[in-house]
């Protein structure tokens, strides 16, 4: 939260004006050590990402480049642990004892990243395409989590363009 906006009661998001995502000069001195502390522990970073909404994490990843790769790696790890349940026709967590994202949450977070500003949006979509290719480059739902995620994200992006 401190990374996004320090002080004030304007709430989250870009409505806080000039200082929203760009921050004040003093914030840069706080952000560096805070990001280092956050990223030095995978458990801490995972817990942080589980607690914040995807839209806020996408904003942070767009603003703090050192956050984007670890966040994408974490989402990739979570996605790799999803298993397809053919009886239910959906992706489910394989480790119920671990705090991880559901299919819906993972899709929403990848969607937020792909809608992010350049270069974040393009890098995220390229990462999904690479993961899909590494997983067999399937074009059928239910065989690869990356195929299904990429298809959902592309569908969402097309809908946005049509509006």
Protein backbone atom coordinates (compact mmCIF):
# COMPACT_ATOMS: atom_id res chain seq x y z
CA UNK A 1 0.00 0.00 0.00
CA UNK A 2 2.86 2.34 0.80
CA UNK A 3 4.32 1.63 -2.61
CA UNK A 4 1.12 2.73 -4.29
CA UNK A 5 0.30 5.85 -2.34
CA UNK A 6 1.63 7.34 0.85
CA UNK A 7 -0.71 9.17 3.14
CA UNK A 8 -3.89 10.95 2.22
CA UNK A 9 -7.36 9.54 2.24
CA UNK A 10 -8.14 9.75 -1.46
CA UNK A 11 -8.30 5.97 -1.72
CA UNK A 12 -6.51 3.70 -4.19
CA UNK A 13 -6.01 4.22 -7.85
CA UNK A 14 -5.09 6.97 -10.19
CA UNK A 15 -7.74 9.40 -8.99
CA UNK A 16 -5.24 10.72 -6.48
CA UNK A 17 -3.88 13.03 -9.15
CA UNK A 18 -0.31 13.73 -10.09
CA UNK A 19 1.13 11.95 -7.07
CA UNK A 20 -0.84 8.69 -7.51
CA UNK A 21 1.43 6.29 -9.33
CA UNK A 22 4.36 8.60 -9.94
CA UNK A 23 4.76 9.39 -6.27
CA UNK A 24 6.58 12.21 -4.58
CA UNK A 25 10.34 12.54 -4.66
CA UNK A 26 10.66 11.19 -1.11
CA UNK A 27 8.63 8.10 -1.99
CA UNK A 28 11.43 6.86 -4.25
CA UNK A 29 13.71 6.66 -1.21
CA UNK A 30 11.14 4.51 0.57
CA UNK A 31 10.16 2.35 -2.40
CA UNK A 32 13.63 0.92 -3.09
CA UNK A 33 14.27 -0.56 0.36
CA UNK A 34 10.64 -1.63 0.68
CA UNK A 35 10.76 -3.48 -2.65
CA UNK A 36 14.07 -5.12 -1.72
CA UNK A 37 12.61 -6.28 1.59
CA UNK A 38 9.45 -7.56 -0.12
CA UNK A 39 11.29 -9.44 -2.86
CA UNK A 40 13.95 -11.04 -0.64
CA UNK A 41 11.44 -13.56 0.73
CA UNK A 42 9.32 -15.60 -1.71
CA UNK A 43 6.82 -16.36 1.06
CA UNK A 44 6.47 -12.68 1.94
CA UNK A 45 6.06 -11.68 -1.71
CA UNK A 46 3.50 -14.43 -2.30
CA UNK A 47 1.47 -13.36 0.73
CA UNK A 48 1.65 -9.73 -0.41
CA UNK A 49 0.37 -10.66 -3.87
CA UNK A 50 -2.44 -12.80 -2.46
CA UNK A 51 -3.69 -9.90 -0.36
CA UNK A 52 -3.81 -7.20 -3.04
CA UNK A 53 -6.22 -7.03 -5.98
CA UNK A 54 -4.88 -7.73 -9.45
CA UNK A 55 -5.56 -4.21 -10.70
CA UNK A 56 -3.41 -2.70 -7.94
CA UNK A 57 -0.60 -5.21 -8.51
CA UNK A 58 -0.67 -4.46 -12.24
CA UNK A 59 -0.35 -0.74 -11.46
CA UNK A 60 2.58 -1.43 -9.15
CA UNK A 61 4.25 -3.72 -11.71
CA UNK A 62 3.85 -1.02 -14.37
CA UNK A 63 5.36 1.62 -12.10
CA UNK A 64 8.12 -0.43 -10.46
CA UNK A 65 9.82 -2.50 -13.17
CA UNK A 66 11.71 -4.61 -10.61
CA UNK A 67 8.33 -5.94 -9.45
CA UNK A 68 6.97 -7.07 -12.83
CA UNK A 69 9.21 -10.12 -13.47
CA UNK A 70 8.87 -11.61 -9.95
CA UNK A 71 5.09 -11.06 -10.07
CA UNK A 72 4.82 -12.75 -13.47
CA UNK A 73 7.03 -15.61 -12.21
CA UNK A 74 4.75 -16.03 -9.20
CA UNK A 75 1.62 -16.10 -11.37
CA UNK A 76 3.35 -18.64 -13.61
CA UNK A 77 4.15 -20.85 -10.62
CA UNK A 78 0.56 -20.66 -9.41
CA UNK A 79 -0.78 -21.42 -12.89
CA UNK A 80 1.57 -24.40 -13.24
CA UNK A 81 -0.05 -26.00 -10.22
CA UNK A 82 -3.59 -25.84 -11.57
CA UNK A 83 -5.06 -29.13 -12.77
CA UNK A 84 -7.91 -29.51 -15.23
CA UNK A 85 -10.96 -31.38 -13.92
CA UNK A 86 -12.69 -32.82 -17.00
CA UNK A 87 -15.79 -33.76 -15.01
CA UNK A 88 -16.27 -30.18 -13.84
CA UNK A 89 -14.83 -28.64 -17.01
CA UNK A 90 -12.61 -26.23 -15.10
CA UNK A 91 -9.14 -25.67 -13.69
CA UNK A 92 -8.72 -26.38 -9.97
CA UNK A 93 -5.94 -25.96 -7.43
CA UNK A 94 -3.79 -29.05 -7.04
CA UNK A 95 -2.57 -28.06 -3.57
CA UNK A 96 -5.49 -27.27 -1.34
CA UNK A 97 -3.23 -26.81 1.68
CA UNK A 98 -1.36 -23.94 0.00
CA UNK A 99 -2.66 -20.42 -0.37
CA UNK A 100 -2.84 -19.96 -4.12
CA UNK A 101 -5.12 -18.39 -6.68
CA UNK A 102 -8.16 -19.95 -8.25
CA UNK A 103 -8.48 -20.12 -12.03
CA UNK A 104 -10.76 -17.09 -12.01
CA UNK A 105 -8.35 -15.03 -9.91
CA UNK A 106 -5.38 -16.05 -12.05
CA UNK A 107 -7.26 -15.13 -15.23
CA UNK A 108 -8.21 -11.74 -13.77
CA UNK A 109 -4.62 -10.99 -12.77
CA UNK A 110 -3.20 -11.92 -16.17
CA UNK A 111 -5.95 -9.84 -17.77
CA UNK A 112 -4.97 -6.82 -15.64
CA UNK A 113 -1.31 -7.22 -16.61
CA UNK A 114 -2.12 -7.55 -20.32
CA UNK A 115 -4.20 -4.36 -20.14
CA UNK A 116 -1.28 -2.57 -18.53
CA UNK A 117 0.74 0.12 -20.28
CA UNK A 118 3.62 -0.65 -22.60
CA UNK A 119 5.83 -2.52 -22.19
CA UNK A 120 4.06 -4.47 -19.40
CA UNK A 121 0.99 -5.48 -21.43
CA UNK A 122 2.98 -6.73 -24.39
CA UNK A 123 5.54 -8.51 -22.21
CA UNK A 124 2.79 -10.32 -20.32
CA UNK A 125 1.04 -11.43 -23.49
CA UNK A 126 4.37 -12.57 -24.97
CA UNK A 127 5.09 -14.54 -21.78
CA UNK A 128 1.70 -16.28 -22.05
CA UNK A 129 2.39 -17.11 -25.71
CA UNK A 130 5.79 -18.57 -24.80
CA UNK A 131 4.29 -20.63 -21.96
CA UNK A 132 1.61 -21.90 -24.34
CA UNK A 133 4.26 -22.90 -26.90
CA UNK A 134 6.38 -24.64 -24.24
CA UNK A 135 3.32 -26.54 -23.06
CA UNK A 136 2.60 -28.00 -26.51
CA UNK A 137 1.03 -25.05 -28.36
CA UNK A 138 -2.44 -26.53 -28.11
CA UNK A 139 -5.44 -24.78 -29.60
CA UNK A 140 -8.04 -26.72 -27.60
CA UNK A 141 -9.44 -25.81 -24.18
CA UNK A 142 -8.61 -27.99 -21.20
CA UNK A 143 -5.20 -29.28 -22.29
CA UNK A 144 -2.97 -26.41 -21.19
CA UNK A 145 -3.65 -23.77 -18.59
CA UNK A 146 -1.59 -21.35 -20.71
CA UNK A 147 -3.67 -21.95 -23.83
CA UNK A 148 -6.84 -21.36 -21.86
CA UNK A 149 -5.47 -18.24 -20.14
CA UNK A 150 -4.21 -16.78 -23.40
CA UNK A 151 -7.54 -17.46 -25.13
CA UNK A 152 -9.46 -15.80 -22.28
CA UNK A 153 -7.16 -12.77 -22.17
CA UNK A 154 -7.30 -12.31 -25.94
CA UNK A 155 -11.09 -12.58 -25.87
CA UNK A 156 -11.24 -9.95 -23.13
CA UNK A 157 -8.91 -7.62 -25.04
CA UNK A 158 -11.00 -8.00 -28.22
CA UNK A 159 -14.15 -7.09 -26.29
CA UNK A 160 -12.45 -3.98 -24.98
CA UNK A 161 -11.44 -2.91 -28.49
CA UNK A 162 -15.00 -3.45 -29.77
CA UNK A 163 -16.43 -1.07 -27.17
